[in-house]
Amino acid sequence: MEQCSLTEGCIFFNDKMANMPSMAEMYKNRYCKNDFAQCARFRVFAVQGRENVPVDLYPNDGDRAGRILGE
C-alpha cells in the first residue's frame, strides 16, 4: 500500500508525538502507512491546505476534521 507523502514532514509527529514514540508508531502504521485518506490531518490538508491543519488535530479525530471541513 502507498505511504502518505506528508509523513516525513508532519508537524504532528515531529512535535506533538516526539515524547511518545510507541503511540506515534501506532498512528503511523494505521494512517500514514495504510489508510492515509482516513487521516483527519490529511483530509483537512487535502481540502484546505497545510496551513489550515490545526497542530493539535490527531489523525484519528475524524469528527473534528468533519467540522473543520463543514461536513
PDB file of N, CA and C in Angstrom:
ATOM      1  N   MET A   1       0.839  -1.178   0.000  1.00  0.00           N
ATOM      2  CA  MET A   1       0.000   0.000   0.000  1.00  0.00           C
ATOM      3  C   MET A   1       0.890   1.250   0.000  1.00  0.00           C
ATOM      4  N   GLU A   2       0.425   2.281  -0.627  1.00  0.00           N
ATOM      5  CA  GLU A   2       1.168   3.526  -0.735  1.00  0.00           C
ATOM      6  C   GLU A   2       1.200   4.270   0.597  1.00  0.00           C
ATOM      7  N   GLN A   3       2.367   4.821   0.918  1.00  0.00           N
ATOM      8  CA  GLN A   3       2.521   5.603   2.148  1.00  0.00           C
ATOM      9  C   GLN A   3       2.198   7.062   1.874  1.00  0.00           C
ATOM     10  N   CYS A   4       1.670   7.743   2.870  1.00  0.00           N
ATOM     11  CA  CYS A   4       1.346   9.167   2.766  1.00  0.00           C
ATOM     12  C   CYS A   4       2.618   9.960   2.499  1.00  0.00           C
ATOM     13  N   SER A   5       2.548  10.846   1.542  1.00  0.00           N
ATOM     14  CA  SER A   5       3.705  11.668   1.185  1.00  0.00           C
ATOM     15  C   SER A   5       4.001  12.748   2.227  1.00  0.00           C
ATOM     16  N   LEU A   6       3.093  12.970   3.158  1.00  0.00           N
ATOM     17  CA  LEU A   6       3.261  14.014   4.172  1.00  0.00           C
ATOM     18  C   LEU A   6       3.896  13.512   5.465  1.00  0.00           C
ATOM     19  N   THR A   7       4.090  12.216   5.586  1.00  0.00           N
ATOM     20  CA  THR A   7       4.546  11.622   6.839  1.00  0.00           C
ATOM     21  C   THR A   7       5.844  12.229   7.354  1.00  0.00           C
ATOM     22  N   GLU A   8       6.840  12.333   6.516  1.00  0.00           N
ATOM     23  CA  GLU A   8       8.148  12.785   6.971  1.00  0.00           C
ATOM     24  C   GLU A   8       8.129  14.200   7.542  1.00  0.00           C
ATOM     25  N   GLY A   9       7.360  15.085   6.970  1.00  0.00           N
ATOM     26  CA  GLY A   9       7.316  16.462   7.443  1.00  0.00           C
ATOM     27  C   GLY A   9       6.104  16.792   8.286  1.00  0.00           C
ATOM     28  N   CYS A  10       5.379  15.790   8.737  1.00  0.00           N
ATOM     29  CA  CYS A  10       4.153  16.024   9.501  1.00  0.00           C
ATOM     30  C   CYS A  10       4.472  16.655  10.855  1.00  0.00           C
ATOM     31  N   ILE A  11       3.947  17.847  11.073  1.00  0.00           N
ATOM     32  CA  ILE A  11       4.176  18.579  12.317  1.00  0.00           C
ATOM     33  C   ILE A  11       3.688  17.772  13.522  1.00  0.00           C
ATOM     34  N   PHE A  12       2.596  17.077  13.349  1.00  0.00           N
ATOM     35  CA  PHE A  12       2.025  16.299  14.446  1.00  0.00           C
ATOM     36  C   PHE A  12       3.050  15.303  14.992  1.00  0.00           C
ATOM     37  N   PHE A  13       3.674  14.536  14.120  1.00  0.00           N
ATOM     38  CA  PHE A  13       4.625  13.529  14.583  1.00  0.00           C
ATOM     39  C   PHE A  13       5.946  14.135  15.020  1.00  0.00           C
ATOM     40  N   ASN A  14       6.378  15.180  14.390  1.00  0.00           N
ATOM     41  CA  ASN A  14       7.659  15.782  14.729  1.00  0.00           C
ATOM     42  C   ASN A  14       7.598  16.622  15.993  1.00  0.00           C
ATOM     43  N   ASP A  15       6.427  17.150  16.340  1.00  0.00           N
ATOM     44  CA  ASP A  15       6.297  17.997  17.525  1.00  0.00           C
ATOM     45  C   ASP A  15       5.461  17.344  18.623  1.00  0.00           C
ATOM     46  N   LYS A  16       4.223  17.026  18.322  1.00  0.00           N
ATOM     47  CA  LYS A  16       3.284  16.542  19.334  1.00  0.00           C
ATOM     48  C   LYS A  16       3.600  15.137  19.845  1.00  0.00           C
ATOM     49  N   MET A  17       4.165  14.279  19.013  1.00  0.00           N
ATOM     50  CA  MET A  17       4.380  12.884  19.389  1.00  0.00           C
ATOM     51  C   MET A  17       5.844  12.554  19.667  1.00  0.00           C
ATOM     52  N   ALA A  18       6.696  13.542  19.721  1.00  0.00           N
ATOM     53  CA  ALA A  18       8.133  13.304  19.908  1.00  0.00           C
ATOM     54  C   ALA A  18       8.434  12.533  21.194  1.00  0.00           C
ATOM     55  N   ASN A  19       7.649  12.750  22.235  1.00  0.00           N
ATOM     56  CA  ASN A  19       7.883  12.079  23.516  1.00  0.00           C
ATOM     57  C   ASN A  19       7.080  10.801  23.682  1.00  0.00           C
ATOM     58  N   MET A  20       6.359  10.392  22.653  1.00  0.00           N
ATOM     59  CA  MET A  20       5.539   9.180  22.704  1.00  0.00           C
ATOM     60  C   MET A  20       5.806   8.319  21.468  1.00  0.00           C
ATOM     61  N   PRO A  21       7.004   7.774  21.339  1.00  0.00           N
ATOM     62  CA  PRO A  21       7.357   7.046  20.118  1.00  0.00           C
ATOM     63  C   PRO A  21       6.489   5.816  19.846  1.00  0.00           C
ATOM     64  N   SER A  22       6.063   5.099  20.873  1.00  0.00           N
ATOM     65  CA  SER A  22       5.223   3.913  20.661  1.00  0.00           C
ATOM     66  C   SER A  22       3.861   4.300  20.105  1.00  0.00           C
ATOM     67  N   MET A  23       3.267   5.336  20.684  1.00  0.00           N
ATOM     68  CA  MET A  23       1.969   5.820  20.218  1.00  0.00           C
ATOM     69  C   MET A  23       2.099   6.393  18.806  1.00  0.00           C
ATOM     70  N   ALA A  24       3.157   7.129  18.561  1.00  0.00           N
ATOM     71  CA  ALA A  24       3.383   7.693  17.230  1.00  0.00           C
ATOM     72  C   ALA A  24       3.488   6.586  16.191  1.00  0.00           C
ATOM     73  N   GLU A  25       4.196   5.526  16.518  1.00  0.00           N
ATOM     74  CA  GLU A  25       4.348   4.414  15.573  1.00  0.00           C
ATOM     75  C   GLU A  25       3.008   3.733  15.299  1.00  0.00           C
ATOM     76  N   MET A  26       2.173   3.620  16.334  1.00  0.00           N
ATOM     77  CA  MET A  26       0.847   3.038  16.154  1.00  0.00           C
ATOM     78  C   MET A  26       0.023   3.875  15.160  1.00  0.00           C
ATOM     79  N   TYR A  27       0.019   5.195  15.351  1.00  0.00           N
ATOM     80  CA  TYR A  27      -0.703   6.081  14.433  1.00  0.00           C
ATOM     81  C   TYR A  27      -0.134   5.995  13.025  1.00  0.00           C
ATOM     82  N   LYS A  28       1.188   5.984  12.911  1.00  0.00           N
ATOM     83  CA  LYS A  28       1.823   5.911  11.595  1.00  0.00           C
ATOM     84  C   LYS A  28       1.451   4.625  10.869  1.00  0.00           C
ATOM     85  N   ASN A  29       1.463   3.510  11.598  1.00  0.00           N
ATOM     86  CA  ASN A  29       1.089   2.235  10.968  1.00  0.00           C
ATOM     87  C   ASN A  29      -0.354   2.249  10.495  1.00  0.00           C
ATOM     88  N   ARG A  30      -1.218   2.832  11.274  1.00  0.00           N
ATOM     89  CA  ARG A  30      -2.658   2.845  10.946  1.00  0.00           C
ATOM     90  C   ARG A  30      -2.976   3.835   9.829  1.00  0.00           C
ATOM     91  N   TYR A  31      -2.457   5.034   9.922  1.00  0.00           N
ATOM     92  CA  TYR A  31      -2.849   6.094   8.996  1.00  0.00           C
ATOM     93  C   TYR A  31      -1.814   6.379   7.914  1.00  0.00           C
ATOM     94  N   CYS A  32      -0.581   6.582   8.276  1.00  0.00           N
ATOM     95  CA  CYS A  32       0.435   7.005   7.305  1.00  0.00           C
ATOM     96  C   CYS A  32       0.845   5.890   6.346  1.00  0.00           C
ATOM     97  N   LYS A  33       0.914   4.677   6.865  1.00  0.00           N
ATOM     98  CA  LYS A  33       1.407   3.563   6.064  1.00  0.00           C
ATOM     99  C   LYS A  33       0.297   2.714   5.460  1.00  0.00           C
ATOM    100  N   ASN A  34      -0.933   2.943   5.853  1.00  0.00           N
ATOM    101  CA  ASN A  34      -2.019   2.111   5.357  1.00  0.00           C
ATOM    102  C   ASN A  34      -3.155   2.910   4.738  1.00  0.00           C
ATOM    103  N   ASP A  35      -3.874   3.645   5.554  1.00  0.00           N
ATOM    104  CA  ASP A  35      -5.095   4.293   5.075  1.00  0.00           C
ATOM    105  C   ASP A  35      -5.033   5.797   5.298  1.00  0.00           C
ATOM    106  N   PHE A  36      -4.068   6.463   4.653  1.00  0.00           N
ATOM    107  CA  PHE A  36      -3.873   7.888   4.920  1.00  0.00           C
ATOM    108  C   PHE A  36      -5.044   8.741   4.479  1.00  0.00           C
ATOM    109  N   ALA A  37      -5.886   8.251   3.590  1.00  0.00           N
ATOM    110  CA  ALA A  37      -7.062   9.018   3.174  1.00  0.00           C
ATOM    111  C   ALA A  37      -8.057   9.170   4.326  1.00  0.00           C
ATOM    112  N   GLN A  38      -7.949   8.329   5.353  1.00  0.00           N
ATOM    113  CA  GLN A  38      -8.821   8.426   6.523  1.00  0.00           C
ATOM    114  C   GLN A  38      -8.203   9.251   7.643  1.00  0.00           C
ATOM    115  N   CYS A  39      -6.972   9.687   7.478  1.00  0.00           N
ATOM    116  CA  CYS A  39      -6.300  10.509   8.482  1.00  0.00           C
ATOM    117  C   CYS A  39      -6.966  11.889   8.525  1.00  0.00           C
ATOM    118  N   ALA A  40      -7.389  12.292   9.707  1.00  0.00           N
ATOM    119  CA  ALA A  40      -8.058  13.592   9.849  1.00  0.00           C
ATOM    120  C   ALA A  40      -7.149  14.726   9.379  1.00  0.00           C
ATOM    121  N   ARG A  41      -5.882  14.632   9.672  1.00  0.00           N
ATOM    122  CA  ARG A  41      -4.938  15.665   9.260  1.00  0.00           C
ATOM    123  C   ARG A  41      -4.832  15.725   7.731  1.00  0.00           C
ATOM    124  N   PHE A  42      -4.738  14.564   7.094  1.00  0.00           N
ATOM    125  CA  PHE A  42      -4.638  14.518   5.636  1.00  0.00           C
ATOM    126  C   PHE A  42      -5.911  15.058   4.991  1.00  0.00           C
ATOM    127  N   ARG A  43      -7.058  14.707   5.555  1.00  0.00           N
ATOM    128  CA  ARG A  43      -8.328  15.175   4.990  1.00  0.00           C
ATOM    129  C   ARG A  43      -8.398  16.693   4.970  1.00  0.00           C
ATOM    130  N   VAL A  44      -8.022  17.333   6.082  1.00  0.00           N
ATOM    131  CA  VAL A  44      -8.045  18.799   6.137  1.00  0.00           C
ATOM    132  C   VAL A  44      -7.004  19.364   5.177  1.00  0.00           C
ATOM    133  N   PHE A  45      -5.815  18.781   5.162  1.00  0.00           N
ATOM    134  CA  PHE A  45      -4.765  19.219   4.247  1.00  0.00           C
ATOM    135  C   PHE A  45      -5.237  19.177   2.798  1.00  0.00           C
ATOM    136  N   ALA A  46      -5.867  18.084   2.414  1.00  0.00           N
ATOM    137  CA  ALA A  46      -6.272  17.884   1.018  1.00  0.00           C
ATOM    138  C   ALA A  46      -7.274  18.936   0.543  1.00  0.00           C
ATOM    139  N   VAL A  47      -8.098  19.430   1.440  1.00  0.00           N
ATOM    140  CA  VAL A  47      -9.137  20.392   1.072  1.00  0.00           C
ATOM    141  C   VAL A  47      -8.701  21.835   1.331  1.00  0.00           C
ATOM    142  N   GLN A  48      -8.063  22.063   2.470  1.00  0.00           N
ATOM    143  CA  GLN A  48      -7.792  23.444   2.887  1.00  0.00           C
ATOM    144  C   GLN A  48      -6.316  23.833   2.893  1.00  0.00           C
ATOM    145  N   GLY A  49      -5.431  22.893   2.654  1.00  0.00           N
ATOM    146  CA  GLY A  49      -4.009  23.201   2.632  1.00  0.00           C
ATOM    147  C   GLY A  49      -3.343  23.019   3.978  1.00  0.00           C
ATOM    148  N   ARG A  50      -2.036  22.830   3.943  1.00  0.00           N
ATOM    149  CA  ARG A  50      -1.241  22.556   5.155  1.00  0.00           C
ATOM    150  C   ARG A  50      -1.396  23.639   6.216  1.00  0.00           C
ATOM    151  N   GLU A  51      -1.463  24.890   5.798  1.00  0.00           N
ATOM    152  CA  GLU A  51      -1.532  25.990   6.765  1.00  0.00           C
ATOM    153  C   GLU A  51      -2.825  25.994   7.573  1.00  0.00           C
ATOM    154  N   ASN A  52      -3.828  25.248   7.150  1.00  0.00           N
ATOM    155  CA  ASN A  52      -5.114  25.210   7.847  1.00  0.00           C
ATOM    156  C   ASN A  52      -5.325  23.940   8.674  1.00  0.00           C
ATOM    157  N   VAL A  53      -4.291  23.126   8.785  1.00  0.00           N
ATOM    158  CA  VAL A  53      -4.390  21.920   9.605  1.00  0.00           C
ATOM    159  C   VAL A  53      -3.993  22.305  11.032  1.00  0.00           C
ATOM    160  N   PRO A  54      -4.916  22.206  11.998  1.00  0.00           N
ATOM    161  CA  PRO A  54      -4.577  22.545  13.378  1.00  0.00           C
ATOM    162  C   PRO A  54      -3.437  21.664  13.893  1.00  0.00           C
ATOM    163  N   VAL A  55      -2.482  22.246  14.574  1.00  0.00           N
ATOM    164  CA  VAL A  55      -1.337  21.483  15.061  1.00  0.00           C
ATOM    165  C   VAL A  55      -1.740  20.399  16.059  1.00  0.00           C
ATOM    166  N   ASP A  56      -2.879  20.587  16.734  1.00  0.00           N
ATOM    167  CA  ASP A  56      -3.314  19.610  17.732  1.00  0.00           C
ATOM    168  C   ASP A  56      -4.366  18.641  17.202  1.00  0.00           C
ATOM    169  N   LEU A  57      -4.556  18.583  15.892  1.00  0.00           N
ATOM    170  CA  LEU A  57      -5.516  17.648  15.300  1.00  0.00           C
ATOM    171  C   LEU A  57      -4.888  16.266  15.217  1.00  0.00           C
ATOM    172  N   TYR A  58      -5.493  15.301  15.899  1.00  0.00           N
ATOM    173  CA  TYR A  58      -4.993  13.929  15.885  1.00  0.00           C
ATOM    174  C   TYR A  58      -5.447  13.217  14.614  1.00  0.00           C
ATOM    175  N   PRO A  59      -4.655  12.281  14.124  1.00  0.00           N
ATOM    176  CA  PRO A  59      -5.013  11.557  12.903  1.00  0.00           C
ATOM    177  C   PRO A  59      -6.358  10.832  13.000  1.00  0.00           C
ATOM    178  N   ASN A  60      -6.737  10.425  14.203  1.00  0.00           N
ATOM    179  CA  ASN A  60      -7.980   9.671  14.387  1.00  0.00           C
ATOM    180  C   ASN A  60      -9.179  10.559  14.733  1.00  0.00           C
ATOM    181  N   ASP A  61      -9.022  11.870  14.679  1.00  0.00           N
ATOM    182  CA  ASP A  61     -10.106  12.785  15.047  1.00  0.00           C
ATOM    183  C   ASP A  61     -10.927  13.187  13.814  1.00  0.00           C
ATOM    184  N   GLY A  62     -11.555  12.183  13.232  1.00  0.00           N
ATOM    185  CA  GLY A  62     -12.363  12.395  12.035  1.00  0.00           C
ATOM    186  C   GLY A  62     -13.543  13.317  12.263  1.00  0.00           C
ATOM    187  N   ASP A  63     -14.117  13.275  13.457  1.00  0.00           N
ATOM    188  CA  ASP A  63     -15.252  14.158  13.750  1.00  0.00           C
ATOM    189  C   ASP A  63     -14.838  15.624  13.698  1.00  0.00           C
ATOM    190  N   ARG A  64     -13.707  15.921  14.293  1.00  0.00           N
ATOM    191  CA  ARG A  64     -13.220  17.305  14.268  1.00  0.00           C
ATOM    192  C   ARG A  64     -12.859  17.728  12.847  1.00  0.00           C
ATOM    193  N   ALA A  65     -12.234  16.840  12.099  1.00  0.00           N
ATOM    194  CA  ALA A  65     -11.914  17.154  10.697  1.00  0.00           C
ATOM    195  C   ALA A  65     -13.180  17.449   9.925  1.00  0.00           C
ATOM    196  N   GLY A  66     -14.224  16.677  10.171  1.00  0.00           N
ATOM    197  CA  GLY A  66     -15.501  16.910   9.510  1.00  0.00           C
ATOM    198  C   GLY A  66     -16.074  18.273   9.835  1.00  0.00           C
ATOM    199  N   ARG A  67     -15.962  18.684  11.102  1.00  0.00           N
ATOM    200  CA  ARG A  67     -16.450  20.016  11.484  1.00  0.00           C
ATOM    201  C   ARG A  67     -15.640  21.108  10.802  1.00  0.00           C
ATOM    202  N   ILE A  68     -14.328  20.929  10.751  1.00  0.00           N
ATOM    203  CA  ILE A  68     -13.465  21.918  10.094  1.00  0.00           C
ATOM    204  C   ILE A  68     -13.831  22.034   8.618  1.00  0.00           C
ATOM    205  N   LEU A  69     -14.149  20.910   8.006  1.00  0.00           N
ATOM    206  CA  LEU A  69     -14.464  20.879   6.580  1.00  0.00           C
ATOM    207  C   LEU A  69     -15.933  21.156   6.294  1.00  0.00           C
ATOM    208  N   GLY A  70     -16.723  21.342   7.340  1.00  0.00           N
ATOM    209  CA  GLY A  70     -18.140  21.638   7.150  1.00  0.00           C
ATOM    210  C   GLY A  70     -18.943  20.457   6.653  1.00  0.00           C
ATOM    211  N   GLU A  71     -18.524  19.270   7.025  1.00  0.00           N
ATOM    212  CA  GLU A  71     -19.229  18.046   6.584  1.00  0.00           C
ATOM    213  C   GLU A  71     -20.374  17.708   7.518  1.00  0.00           C
TER     214      GLU A  71
END
